[in-house]
Amino acid sequence: MEQQKLPNATLILIFGILSIVTCCCYGFVGLILGIIAVVLANKATKVYAENPEGYTGISNVKTGKILAIIGIVLSSLYLIFVAWMVMTFGWEGLQDQELMQERIREMMGQ
C-alpha cells in the first residue's frame, strides 16, 4: 500500500506558526489559530495511530501542535495583559498617550 500524507499536516504546521506570529493581535487571533491547530493535530494523530505505516507527515503534525500550544500560551498571556491594561487605565487611557501618562503618575502617587 502506498503511503499517504496525513490530512491537514501542512495546515497544522502553518496554523501553529501563525498562532505564535499573531499572538500580539490582542490575543484573539493567535488563540483561535492555536486551538484550531491543536484540534486538527489530535485528529491527525488518531488517524496516524490507527495505521502508522500508511501515512507520512507525522513530524509536521507534532511540530505544529507544539507551536500551537506555545501560541496558545503566549496569546493567553497577552490577552490577560490587555485585559489588565484596560481595567487599570481604561480604554480611553490606551487611546490617548497624555491621559495614559497622567494615570500612570496618579498610580505612582505624584
PDB file of N, CA and C in Angstrom:
ATOM      1  N   MET A   1       0.844  -1.187   0.000  1.00  0.00           N
ATOM      2  CA  MET A   1       0.000   0.000   0.000  1.00  0.00           C
ATOM      3  C   MET A   1       0.885   1.245   0.000  1.00  0.00           C
ATOM      4  N   GLU A   2       0.520   2.210  -0.771  1.00  0.00           N
ATOM      5  CA  GLU A   2       1.272   3.445  -0.892  1.00  0.00           C
ATOM      6  C   GLU A   2       0.989   4.355   0.301  1.00  0.00           C
ATOM      7  N   GLN A   3       2.041   5.009   0.782  1.00  0.00           N
ATOM      8  CA  GLN A   3       1.871   5.911   1.918  1.00  0.00           C
ATOM      9  C   GLN A   3       1.229   7.211   1.460  1.00  0.00           C
ATOM     10  N   GLN A   4       0.308   7.698   2.278  1.00  0.00           N
ATOM     11  CA  GLN A   4      -0.364   8.966   2.014  1.00  0.00           C
ATOM     12  C   GLN A   4       0.112   9.987   3.041  1.00  0.00           C
ATOM     13  N   LYS A   5      -0.020  11.235   2.649  1.00  0.00           N
ATOM     14  CA  LYS A   5       0.295  12.306   3.592  1.00  0.00           C
ATOM     15  C   LYS A   5      -0.866  12.452   4.565  1.00  0.00           C
ATOM     16  N   LEU A   6      -0.540  12.679   5.821  1.00  0.00           N
ATOM     17  CA  LEU A   6      -1.592  12.863   6.831  1.00  0.00           C
ATOM     18  C   LEU A   6      -2.472  14.050   6.458  1.00  0.00           C
ATOM     19  N   PRO A   7      -3.771  13.924   6.673  1.00  0.00           N
ATOM     20  CA  PRO A   7      -4.654  15.041   6.341  1.00  0.00           C
ATOM     21  C   PRO A   7      -4.331  16.264   7.199  1.00  0.00           C
ATOM     22  N   ASN A   8      -4.236  17.401   6.546  1.00  0.00           N
ATOM     23  CA  ASN A   8      -4.015  18.704   7.200  1.00  0.00           C
ATOM     24  C   ASN A   8      -2.671  18.838   7.895  1.00  0.00           C
ATOM     25  N   ALA A   9      -1.675  18.011   7.570  1.00  0.00           N
ATOM     26  CA  ALA A   9      -0.375  18.086   8.248  1.00  0.00           C
ATOM     27  C   ALA A   9       0.286  19.444   8.011  1.00  0.00           C
ATOM     28  N   THR A  10       0.273  19.908   6.778  1.00  0.00           N
ATOM     29  CA  THR A  10       0.886  21.204   6.471  1.00  0.00           C
ATOM     30  C   THR A  10       0.075  22.342   7.073  1.00  0.00           C
ATOM     31  N   LEU A  11      -1.243  22.228   7.035  1.00  0.00           N
ATOM     32  CA  LEU A  11      -2.113  23.253   7.603  1.00  0.00           C
ATOM     33  C   LEU A  11      -1.894  23.384   9.105  1.00  0.00           C
ATOM     34  N   ILE A  12      -1.704  22.266   9.780  1.00  0.00           N
ATOM     35  CA  ILE A  12      -1.450  22.287  11.218  1.00  0.00           C
ATOM     36  C   ILE A  12      -0.147  23.030  11.512  1.00  0.00           C
ATOM     37  N   LEU A  13       0.871  22.754  10.721  1.00  0.00           N
ATOM     38  CA  LEU A  13       2.151  23.428  10.901  1.00  0.00           C
ATOM     39  C   LEU A  13       2.022  24.935  10.650  1.00  0.00           C
ATOM     40  N   ILE A  14       1.310  25.303   9.606  1.00  0.00           N
ATOM     41  CA  ILE A  14       1.123  26.728   9.284  1.00  0.00           C
ATOM     42  C   ILE A  14       0.323  27.431  10.379  1.00  0.00           C
ATOM     43  N   PHE A  15      -0.760  26.800  10.840  1.00  0.00           N
ATOM     44  CA  PHE A  15      -1.551  27.404  11.915  1.00  0.00           C
ATOM     45  C   PHE A  15      -0.741  27.513  13.201  1.00  0.00           C
ATOM     46  N   GLY A  16       0.119  26.532  13.486  1.00  0.00           N
ATOM     47  CA  GLY A  16       0.969  26.606  14.670  1.00  0.00           C
ATOM     48  C   GLY A  16       1.924  27.784  14.604  1.00  0.00           C
ATOM     49  N   ILE A  17       2.527  27.984  13.436  1.00  0.00           N
ATOM     50  CA  ILE A  17       3.435  29.121  13.251  1.00  0.00           C
ATOM     51  C   ILE A  17       2.669  30.430  13.360  1.00  0.00           C
ATOM     52  N   LEU A  18       1.520  30.511  12.687  1.00  0.00           N
ATOM     53  CA  LEU A  18       0.727  31.745  12.709  1.00  0.00           C
ATOM     54  C   LEU A  18       0.179  32.060  14.097  1.00  0.00           C
ATOM     55  N   SER A  19      -0.069  31.039  14.909  1.00  0.00           N
ATOM     56  CA  SER A  19      -0.571  31.304  16.263  1.00  0.00           C
ATOM     57  C   SER A  19       0.475  32.038  17.096  1.00  0.00           C
ATOM     58  N   ILE A  20       1.756  31.756  16.841  1.00  0.00           N
ATOM     59  CA  ILE A  20       2.821  32.477  17.552  1.00  0.00           C
ATOM     60  C   ILE A  20       2.989  33.875  16.971  1.00  0.00           C
ATOM     61  N   VAL A  21       2.977  33.966  15.640  1.00  0.00           N
ATOM     62  CA  VAL A  21       3.190  35.259  14.978  1.00  0.00           C
ATOM     63  C   VAL A  21       2.073  36.249  15.317  1.00  0.00           C
ATOM     64  N   THR A  22       0.837  35.767  15.417  1.00  0.00           N
ATOM     65  CA  THR A  22      -0.306  36.651  15.639  1.00  0.00           C
ATOM     66  C   THR A  22      -0.741  36.732  17.096  1.00  0.00           C
ATOM     67  N   CYS A  23       0.092  36.290  18.023  1.00  0.00           N
ATOM     68  CA  CYS A  23      -0.310  36.319  19.429  1.00  0.00           C
ATOM     69  C   CYS A  23      -0.485  37.746  19.949  1.00  0.00           C
ATOM     70  N   CYS A  24       0.123  38.718  19.302  1.00  0.00           N
ATOM     71  CA  CYS A  24       0.023  40.106  19.757  1.00  0.00           C
ATOM     72  C   CYS A  24      -1.147  40.855  19.135  1.00  0.00           C
ATOM     73  N   CYS A  25      -2.028  40.175  18.436  1.00  0.00           N
ATOM     74  CA  CYS A  25      -3.239  40.799  17.881  1.00  0.00           C
ATOM     75  C   CYS A  25      -4.332  40.724  18.938  1.00  0.00           C
ATOM     76  N   TYR A  26      -4.082  41.386  20.070  1.00  0.00           N
ATOM     77  CA  TYR A  26      -4.958  41.374  21.250  1.00  0.00           C
ATOM     78  C   TYR A  26      -5.194  39.969  21.788  1.00  0.00           C
ATOM     79  N   GLY A  27      -4.426  38.983  21.328  1.00  0.00           N
ATOM     80  CA  GLY A  27      -4.516  37.625  21.836  1.00  0.00           C
ATOM     81  C   GLY A  27      -5.562  36.768  21.176  1.00  0.00           C
ATOM     82  N   PHE A  28      -6.525  37.371  20.486  1.00  0.00           N
ATOM     83  CA  PHE A  28      -7.634  36.593  19.937  1.00  0.00           C
ATOM     84  C   PHE A  28      -7.222  35.738  18.741  1.00  0.00           C
ATOM     85  N   VAL A  29      -6.542  36.326  17.785  1.00  0.00           N
ATOM     86  CA  VAL A  29      -6.214  35.618  16.544  1.00  0.00           C
ATOM     87  C   VAL A  29      -5.300  34.432  16.833  1.00  0.00           C
ATOM     88  N   GLY A  30      -4.258  34.653  17.612  1.00  0.00           N
ATOM     89  CA  GLY A  30      -3.341  33.570  17.954  1.00  0.00           C
ATOM     90  C   GLY A  30      -4.012  32.472  18.741  1.00  0.00           C
ATOM     91  N   LEU A  31      -4.926  32.845  19.625  1.00  0.00           N
ATOM     92  CA  LEU A  31      -5.654  31.862  20.420  1.00  0.00           C
ATOM     93  C   LEU A  31      -6.542  30.996  19.532  1.00  0.00           C
ATOM     94  N   ILE A  32      -7.262  31.610  18.626  1.00  0.00           N
ATOM     95  CA  ILE A  32      -8.153  30.874  17.727  1.00  0.00           C
ATOM     96  C   ILE A  32      -7.348  29.935  16.822  1.00  0.00           C
ATOM     97  N   LEU A  33      -6.286  30.455  16.201  1.00  0.00           N
ATOM     98  CA  LEU A  33      -5.466  29.619  15.312  1.00  0.00           C
ATOM     99  C   LEU A  33      -4.806  28.479  16.080  1.00  0.00           C
ATOM    100  N   GLY A  34      -4.358  28.743  17.282  1.00  0.00           N
ATOM    101  CA  GLY A  34      -3.732  27.703  18.096  1.00  0.00           C
ATOM    102  C   GLY A  34      -4.700  26.601  18.467  1.00  0.00           C
ATOM    103  N   ILE A  35      -5.902  26.969  18.847  1.00  0.00           N
ATOM    104  CA  ILE A  35      -6.904  25.964  19.218  1.00  0.00           C
ATOM    105  C   ILE A  35      -7.278  25.117  18.010  1.00  0.00           C
ATOM    106  N   ILE A  36      -7.464  25.756  16.866  1.00  0.00           N
ATOM    107  CA  ILE A  36      -7.788  25.005  15.644  1.00  0.00           C
ATOM    108  C   ILE A  36      -6.656  24.033  15.315  1.00  0.00           C
ATOM    109  N   ALA A  37      -5.413  24.481  15.417  1.00  0.00           N
ATOM    110  CA  ALA A  37      -4.273  23.617  15.108  1.00  0.00           C
ATOM    111  C   ALA A  37      -4.194  22.423  16.051  1.00  0.00           C
ATOM    112  N   VAL A  38      -4.460  22.633  17.335  1.00  0.00           N
ATOM    113  CA  VAL A  38      -4.405  21.536  18.298  1.00  0.00           C
ATOM    114  C   VAL A  38      -5.508  20.514  18.015  1.00  0.00           C
ATOM    115  N   VAL A  39      -6.709  20.992  17.708  1.00  0.00           N
ATOM    116  CA  VAL A  39      -7.818  20.070  17.399  1.00  0.00           C
ATOM    117  C   VAL A  39      -7.500  19.255  16.150  1.00  0.00           C
ATOM    118  N   LEU A  40      -7.011  19.926  15.103  1.00  0.00           N
ATOM    119  CA  LEU A  40      -6.652  19.210  13.873  1.00  0.00           C
ATOM    120  C   LEU A  40      -5.502  18.232  14.112  1.00  0.00           C
ATOM    121  N   ALA A  41      -4.550  18.623  14.949  1.00  0.00           N
ATOM    122  CA  ALA A  41      -3.420  17.742  15.257  1.00  0.00           C
ATOM    123  C   ALA A  41      -3.877  16.499  16.009  1.00  0.00           C
ATOM    124  N   ASN A  42      -4.813  16.660  16.929  1.00  0.00           N
ATOM    125  CA  ASN A  42      -5.330  15.498  17.654  1.00  0.00           C
ATOM    126  C   ASN A  42      -6.036  14.526  16.709  1.00  0.00           C
ATOM    127  N   LYS A  43      -6.814  15.066  15.765  1.00  0.00           N
ATOM    128  CA  LYS A  43      -7.488  14.203  14.783  1.00  0.00           C
ATOM    129  C   LYS A  43      -6.471  13.482  13.904  1.00  0.00           C
ATOM    130  N   ALA A  44      -5.446  14.203  13.448  1.00  0.00           N
ATOM    131  CA  ALA A  44      -4.429  13.595  12.586  1.00  0.00           C
ATOM    132  C   ALA A  44      -3.623  12.543  13.347  1.00  0.00           C
ATOM    133  N   THR A  45      -3.362  12.781  14.618  1.00  0.00           N
ATOM    134  CA  THR A  45      -2.626  11.810  15.423  1.00  0.00           C
ATOM    135  C   THR A  45      -3.432  10.527  15.593  1.00  0.00           C
ATOM    136  N   LYS A  46      -4.735  10.648  15.767  1.00  0.00           N
ATOM    137  CA  LYS A  46      -5.589   9.454  15.878  1.00  0.00           C
ATOM    138  C   LYS A  46      -5.586   8.664  14.575  1.00  0.00           C
ATOM    139  N   VAL A  47      -5.645   9.369  13.451  1.00  0.00           N
ATOM    140  CA  VAL A  47      -5.609   8.697  12.143  1.00  0.00           C
ATOM    141  C   VAL A  47      -4.277   7.972  11.972  1.00  0.00           C
ATOM    142  N   TYR A  48      -3.197   8.626  12.365  1.00  0.00           N
ATOM    143  CA  TYR A  48      -1.869   8.027  12.249  1.00  0.00           C
ATOM    144  C   TYR A  48      -1.736   6.815  13.168  1.00  0.00           C
ATOM    145  N   ALA A  49      -2.290   6.889  14.372  1.00  0.00           N
ATOM    146  CA  ALA A  49      -2.186   5.784  15.331  1.00  0.00           C
ATOM    147  C   ALA A  49      -2.898   4.536  14.827  1.00  0.00           C
ATOM    148  N   GLU A  50      -3.944   4.705  14.042  1.00  0.00           N
ATOM    149  CA  GLU A  50      -4.673   3.551  13.504  1.00  0.00           C
ATOM    150  C   GLU A  50      -3.858   2.800  12.452  1.00  0.00           C
ATOM    151  N   ASN A  51      -3.053   3.528  11.661  1.00  0.00           N
ATOM    152  CA  ASN A  51      -2.283   2.907  10.591  1.00  0.00           C
ATOM    153  C   ASN A  51      -0.982   3.679  10.368  1.00  0.00           C
ATOM    154  N   PRO A  52       0.033   3.473  11.221  1.00  0.00           N
ATOM    155  CA  PRO A  52       1.265   4.257  11.107  1.00  0.00           C
ATOM    156  C   PRO A  52       2.039   4.012   9.801  1.00  0.00           C
ATOM    157  N   GLU A  53       1.928   2.818   9.247  1.00  0.00           N
ATOM    158  CA  GLU A  53       2.656   2.516   8.022  1.00  0.00           C
ATOM    159  C   GLU A  53       2.033   3.176   6.798  1.00  0.00           C
ATOM    160  N   GLY A  54       0.795   3.566   6.890  1.00  0.00           N
ATOM    161  CA  GLY A  54       0.075   4.107   5.743  1.00  0.00           C
ATOM    162  C   GLY A  54       0.194   5.611   5.560  1.00  0.00           C
ATOM    163  N   TYR A  55       0.810   6.302   6.526  1.00  0.00           N
ATOM    164  CA  TYR A  55       0.842   7.762   6.466  1.00  0.00           C
ATOM    165  C   TYR A  55       2.244   8.315   6.706  1.00  0.00           C
ATOM    166  N   THR A  56       2.487   9.468   6.113  1.00  0.00           N
ATOM    167  CA  THR A  56       3.713  10.226   6.365  1.00  0.00           C
ATOM    168  C   THR A  56       3.312  11.614   6.862  1.00  0.00           C
ATOM    169  N   GLY A  57       4.259  12.356   7.389  1.00  0.00           N
ATOM    170  CA  GLY A  57       3.993  13.732   7.800  1.00  0.00           C
ATOM    171  C   GLY A  57       3.678  13.896   9.268  1.00  0.00           C
ATOM    172  N   ILE A  58       3.927  12.864  10.072  1.00  0.00           N
ATOM    173  CA  ILE A  58       3.629  12.989  11.499  1.00  0.00           C
ATOM    174  C   ILE A  58       4.536  14.018  12.161  1.00  0.00           C
ATOM    175  N   SER A  59       5.734  14.231  11.620  1.00  0.00           N
ATOM    176  CA  SER A  59       6.637  15.233  12.209  1.00  0.00           C
ATOM    177  C   SER A  59       6.066  16.641  12.059  1.00  0.00           C
ATOM    178  N   ASN A  60       5.426  16.929  10.923  1.00  0.00           N
ATOM    179  CA  ASN A  60       4.770  18.232  10.748  1.00  0.00           C
ATOM    180  C   ASN A  60       3.640  18.408  11.755  1.00  0.00           C
ATOM    181  N   VAL A  61       2.899  17.339  11.990  1.00  0.00           N
ATOM    182  CA  VAL A  61       1.781  17.398  12.928  1.00  0.00           C
ATOM    183  C   VAL A  61       2.297  17.654  14.344  1.00  0.00           C
ATOM    184  N   LYS A  62       3.340  16.919  14.743  1.00  0.00           N
ATOM    185  CA  LYS A  62       3.883  17.099  16.095  1.00  0.00           C
ATOM    186  C   LYS A  62       4.468  18.500  16.282  1.00  0.00           C
ATOM    187  N   THR A  63       5.220  18.953  15.280  1.00  0.00           N
ATOM    188  CA  THR A  63       5.807  20.291  15.363  1.00  0.00           C
ATOM    189  C   THR A  63       4.728  21.365  15.397  1.00  0.00           C
ATOM    190  N   GLY A  64       3.725  21.222  14.540  1.00  0.00           N
ATOM    191  CA  GLY A  64       2.624  22.178  14.514  1.00  0.00           C
ATOM    192  C   GLY A  64       1.867  22.223  15.826  1.00  0.00           C
ATOM    193  N   LYS A  65       1.682  21.059  16.443  1.00  0.00           N
ATOM    194  CA  LYS A  65       0.970  21.007  17.721  1.00  0.00           C
ATOM    195  C   LYS A  65       1.776  21.703  18.821  1.00  0.00           C
ATOM    196  N   ILE A  66       3.078  21.475  18.845  1.00  0.00           N
ATOM    197  CA  ILE A  66       3.925  22.135  19.845  1.00  0.00           C
ATOM    198  C   ILE A  66       3.904  23.651  19.645  1.00  0.00           C
ATOM    199  N   LEU A  67       4.044  24.092  18.394  1.00  0.00           N
ATOM    200  CA  LEU A  67       3.989  25.526  18.112  1.00  0.00           C
ATOM    201  C   LEU A  67       2.629  26.114  18.482  1.00  0.00           C
ATOM    202  N   ALA A  68       1.559  25.364  18.227  1.00  0.00           N
ATOM    203  CA  ALA A  68       0.217  25.839  18.566  1.00  0.00           C
ATOM    204  C   ALA A  68       0.046  25.991  20.074  1.00  0.00           C
ATOM    205  N   ILE A  69       0.587  25.054  20.835  1.00  0.00           N
ATOM    206  CA  ILE A  69       0.496  25.147  22.294  1.00  0.00           C
ATOM    207  C   ILE A  69       1.263  26.370  22.789  1.00  0.00           C
ATOM    208  N   ILE A  70       2.444  26.602  22.223  1.00  0.00           N
ATOM    209  CA  ILE A  70       3.212  27.802  22.582  1.00  0.00           C
ATOM    210  C   ILE A  70       2.421  29.053  22.207  1.00  0.00           C
ATOM    211  N   GLY A  71       1.802  29.049  21.014  1.00  0.00           N
ATOM    212  CA  GLY A  71       0.993  30.184  20.578  1.00  0.00           C
ATOM    213  C   GLY A  71      -0.200  30.427  21.481  1.00  0.00           C
ATOM    214  N   ILE A  72      -0.835  29.346  21.947  1.00  0.00           N
ATOM    215  CA  ILE A  72      -1.981  29.479  22.856  1.00  0.00           C
ATOM    216  C   ILE A  72      -1.533  30.115  24.175  1.00  0.00           C
ATOM    217  N   VAL A  73      -0.407  29.663  24.696  1.00  0.00           N
ATOM    218  CA  VAL A  73       0.090  30.213  25.966  1.00  0.00           C
ATOM    219  C   VAL A  73       0.435  31.693  25.805  1.00  0.00           C
ATOM    220  N   LEU A  74       1.181  32.032  24.752  1.00  0.00           N
ATOM    221  CA  LEU A  74       1.550  33.438  24.525  1.00  0.00           C
ATOM    222  C   LEU A  74       0.319  34.312  24.304  1.00  0.00           C
ATOM    223  N   SER A  75      -0.632  33.813  23.525  1.00  0.00           N
ATOM    224  CA  SER A  75      -1.851  34.581  23.259  1.00  0.00           C
ATOM    225  C   SER A  75      -2.666  34.778  24.526  1.00  0.00           C
ATOM    226  N   SER A  76      -2.734  33.743  25.351  1.00  0.00           N
ATOM    227  CA  SER A  76      -3.476  33.860  26.607  1.00  0.00           C
ATOM    228  C   SER A  76      -2.828  34.888  27.532  1.00  0.00           C
ATOM    229  N   LEU A  77      -1.507  34.834  27.629  1.00  0.00           N
ATOM    230  CA  LEU A  77      -0.802  35.809  28.466  1.00  0.00           C
ATOM    231  C   LEU A  77      -1.008  37.230  27.951  1.00  0.00           C
ATOM    232  N   TYR A  78      -0.939  37.403  26.627  1.00  0.00           N
ATOM    233  CA  TYR A  78      -1.131  38.736  26.058  1.00  0.00           C
ATOM    234  C   TYR A  78      -2.567  39.209  26.259  1.00  0.00           C
ATOM    235  N   LEU A  79      -3.538  38.307  26.137  1.00  0.00           N
ATOM    236  CA  LEU A  79      -4.941  38.654  26.349  1.00  0.00           C
ATOM    237  C   LEU A  79      -5.172  39.085  27.794  1.00  0.00           C
ATOM    238  N   ILE A  80      -4.563  38.378  28.728  1.00  0.00           N
ATOM    239  CA  ILE A  80      -4.669  38.753  30.145  1.00  0.00           C
ATOM    240  C   ILE A  80      -4.022  40.125  30.382  1.00  0.00           C
ATOM    241  N   PHE A  81      -2.872  40.364  29.750  1.00  0.00           N
ATOM    242  CA  PHE A  81      -2.195  41.654  29.876  1.00  0.00           C
ATOM    243  C   PHE A  81      -3.062  42.786  29.334  1.00  0.00           C
ATOM    244  N   VAL A  82      -3.669  42.589  28.169  1.00  0.00           N
ATOM    245  CA  VAL A  82      -4.526  43.620  27.571  1.00  0.00           C
ATOM    246  C   VAL A  82      -5.742  43.875  28.466  1.00  0.00           C
ATOM    247  N   ALA A  83      -6.327  42.815  29.007  1.00  0.00           N
ATOM    248  CA  ALA A  83      -7.472  42.982  29.904  1.00  0.00           C
ATOM    249  C   ALA A  83      -7.068  43.767  31.149  1.00  0.00           C
ATOM    250  N   TRP A  84      -5.879  43.478  31.685  1.00  0.00           N
ATOM    251  CA  TRP A  84      -5.393  44.221  32.850  1.00  0.00           C
ATOM    252  C   TRP A  84      -5.186  45.694  32.506  1.00  0.00           C
ATOM    253  N   MET A  85      -4.610  45.948  31.322  1.00  0.00           N
ATOM    254  CA  MET A  85      -4.383  47.342  30.901  1.00  0.00           C
ATOM    255  C   MET A  85      -5.709  48.099  30.773  1.00  0.00           C
ATOM    256  N   VAL A  86      -6.703  47.463  30.189  1.00  0.00           N
ATOM    257  CA  VAL A  86      -8.000  48.118  30.021  1.00  0.00           C
ATOM    258  C   VAL A  86      -8.639  48.374  31.382  1.00  0.00           C
ATOM    259  N   MET A  87      -8.545  47.396  32.290  1.00  0.00           N
ATOM    260  CA  MET A  87      -9.137  47.582  33.614  1.00  0.00           C
ATOM    261  C   MET A  87      -8.389  48.641  34.416  1.00  0.00           C
ATOM    262  N   THR A  88      -7.097  48.738  34.231  1.00  0.00           N
ATOM    263  CA  THR A  88      -6.301  49.681  35.005  1.00  0.00           C
ATOM    264  C   THR A  88      -6.383  51.098  34.452  1.00  0.00           C
ATOM    265  N   PHE A  89      -6.206  51.252  33.155  1.00  0.00           N
ATOM    266  CA  PHE A  89      -6.119  52.578  32.552  1.00  0.00           C
ATOM    267  C   PHE A  89      -7.367  52.977  31.787  1.00  0.00           C
ATOM    268  N   GLY A  90      -8.254  52.051  31.519  1.00  0.00           N
ATOM    269  CA  GLY A  90      -9.450  52.351  30.740  1.00  0.00           C
ATOM    270  C   GLY A  90      -9.135  52.386  29.255  1.00  0.00           C
ATOM    271  N   TRP A  91     -10.155  52.193  28.462  1.00  0.00           N
ATOM    272  CA  TRP A  91      -9.972  52.179  27.012  1.00  0.00           C
ATOM    273  C   TRP A  91      -9.522  53.555  26.507  1.00  0.00           C
ATOM    274  N   GLU A  92     -10.054  54.611  27.133  1.00  0.00           N
ATOM    275  CA  GLU A  92      -9.669  55.960  26.727  1.00  0.00           C
ATOM    276  C   GLU A  92      -8.195  56.218  27.017  1.00  0.00           C
ATOM    277  N   GLY A  93      -7.712  55.701  28.146  1.00  0.00           N
ATOM    278  CA  GLY A  93      -6.310  55.864  28.502  1.00  0.00           C
ATOM    279  C   GLY A  93      -5.380  55.172  27.520  1.00  0.00           C
ATOM    280  N   LEU A  94      -5.812  54.059  26.978  1.00  0.00           N
ATOM    281  CA  LEU A  94      -4.995  53.358  25.993  1.00  0.00           C
ATOM    282  C   LEU A  94      -4.988  54.083  24.650  1.00  0.00           C
ATOM    283  N   GLN A  95      -6.027  54.847  24.381  1.00  0.00           N
ATOM    284  CA  GLN A  95      -6.128  55.566  23.110  1.00  0.00           C
ATOM    285  C   GLN A  95      -5.357  56.886  23.130  1.00  0.00           C
ATOM    286  N   ASP A  96      -5.251  57.509  24.313  1.00  0.00           N
ATOM    287  CA  ASP A  96      -4.648  58.835  24.440  1.00  0.00           C
ATOM    288  C   ASP A  96      -3.378  58.736  25.282  1.00  0.00           C
ATOM    289  N   GLN A  97      -2.242  59.063  24.690  1.00  0.00           N
ATOM    290  CA  GLN A  97      -0.958  58.920  25.368  1.00  0.00           C
ATOM    291  C   GLN A  97      -0.830  59.852  26.565  1.00  0.00           C
ATOM    292  N   GLU A  98      -1.322  61.083  26.456  1.00  0.00           N
ATOM    293  CA  GLU A  98      -1.230  62.034  27.567  1.00  0.00           C
ATOM    294  C   GLU A  98      -2.069  61.571  28.754  1.00  0.00           C
ATOM    295  N   LEU A  99      -3.261  61.057  28.472  1.00  0.00           N
ATOM    296  CA  LEU A  99      -4.125  60.544  29.539  1.00  0.00           C
ATOM    297  C   LEU A  99      -3.474  59.327  30.205  1.00  0.00           C
ATOM    298  N   MET A 100      -2.820  58.498  29.428  1.00  0.00           N
ATOM    299  CA  MET A 100      -2.122  57.329  29.963  1.00  0.00           C
ATOM    300  C   MET A 100      -1.003  57.765  30.900  1.00  0.00           C
ATOM    301  N   GLN A 101      -0.226  58.755  30.493  1.00  0.00           N
ATOM    302  CA  GLN A 101       0.859  59.253  31.348  1.00  0.00           C
ATOM    303  C   GLN A 101       0.319  59.861  32.631  1.00  0.00           C
ATOM    304  N   GLU A 102      -0.808  60.572  32.530  1.00  0.00           N
ATOM    305  CA  GLU A 102      -1.439  61.162  33.709  1.00  0.00           C
ATOM    306  C   GLU A 102      -1.895  60.078  34.680  1.00  0.00           C
ATOM    307  N   ARG A 103      -2.497  59.028  34.167  1.00  0.00           N
ATOM    308  CA  ARG A 103      -2.965  57.938  35.039  1.00  0.00           C
ATOM    309  C   ARG A 103      -1.801  57.168  35.650  1.00  0.00           C
ATOM    310  N   ILE A 104      -0.696  57.045  34.933  1.00  0.00           N
ATOM    311  CA  ILE A 104       0.488  56.396  35.497  1.00  0.00           C
ATOM    312  C   ILE A 104       1.050  57.243  36.630  1.00  0.00           C
ATOM    313  N   ARG A 105       1.074  58.574  36.434  1.00  0.00           N
ATOM    314  CA  ARG A 105       1.551  59.467  37.508  1.00  0.00           C
ATOM    315  C   ARG A 105       0.638  59.343  38.733  1.00  0.00           C
ATOM    316  N   GLU A 106      -0.675  59.248  38.512  1.00  0.00           N
ATOM    317  CA  GLU A 106      -1.605  59.074  39.630  1.00  0.00           C
ATOM    318  C   GLU A 106      -1.316  57.775  40.380  1.00  0.00           C
ATOM    319  N   MET A 107      -1.030  56.735  39.642  1.00  0.00           N
ATOM    320  CA  MET A 107      -0.730  55.435  40.274  1.00  0.00           C
ATOM    321  C   MET A 107       0.554  55.501  41.086  1.00  0.00           C
ATOM    322  N   MET A 108       1.526  56.265  40.588  1.00  0.00           N
ATOM    323  CA  MET A 108       2.809  56.382  41.269  1.00  0.00           C
ATOM    324  C   MET A 108       2.729  57.307  42.483  1.00  0.00           C
ATOM    325  N   GLY A 109       1.641  58.043  42.606  1.00  0.00           N
ATOM    326  CA  GLY A 109       1.452  58.926  43.744  1.00  0.00           C
ATOM    327  C   GLY A 109       2.123  60.277  43.599  1.00  0.00           C
ATOM    328  N   GLN A 110       2.321  60.726  42.392  1.00  0.00           N
ATOM    329  CA  GLN A 110       2.975  62.022  42.186  1.00  0.00           C
ATOM    330  C   GLN A 110       1.965  63.091  41.948  1.00  0.00           C
TER     331      GLN A 110
END
